Amino acid sequence: PNPDAFGREAKHFTELCVLHRDVNIVLEGLDNYSNFIGSVCYADGESAKDLAIELTENGYAKYAEWSASLIEEETRRRL
C-alpha cells in the first residue's frame, strides 16, 4: 500500500488530539543529522497520553527501530 494513503487521516487524528491544547514535549536526543527526537504528550481527561503511542495503536504510524533507540525504554515497550 501507498505509505501516504493515510496521511490526511493521521493529520486529522493528530489535530483532534493536540490542536489548541497544552502539550508537553520531551526532547529525547538527536539523530545522526542533528534532528531532534522527542515525544509529545497531552492530557486526556485525568490521564496523559503519548501521541506516538496513540498514532501507532490507531494504525497511523509504525514502529521504527532506528528512531526508537533514542526514546525512553518504557515508551519503547508500549510501542
Foldseek 3Di string as FASTA:
>chain_A
DDLCPCVVVLVVVVCVQPPPFDWDWAFQDAAPVRDTDIWIWGDDDPDIDTSVLVCVVVVNDDDDPRRLVRDDPVVSVSD
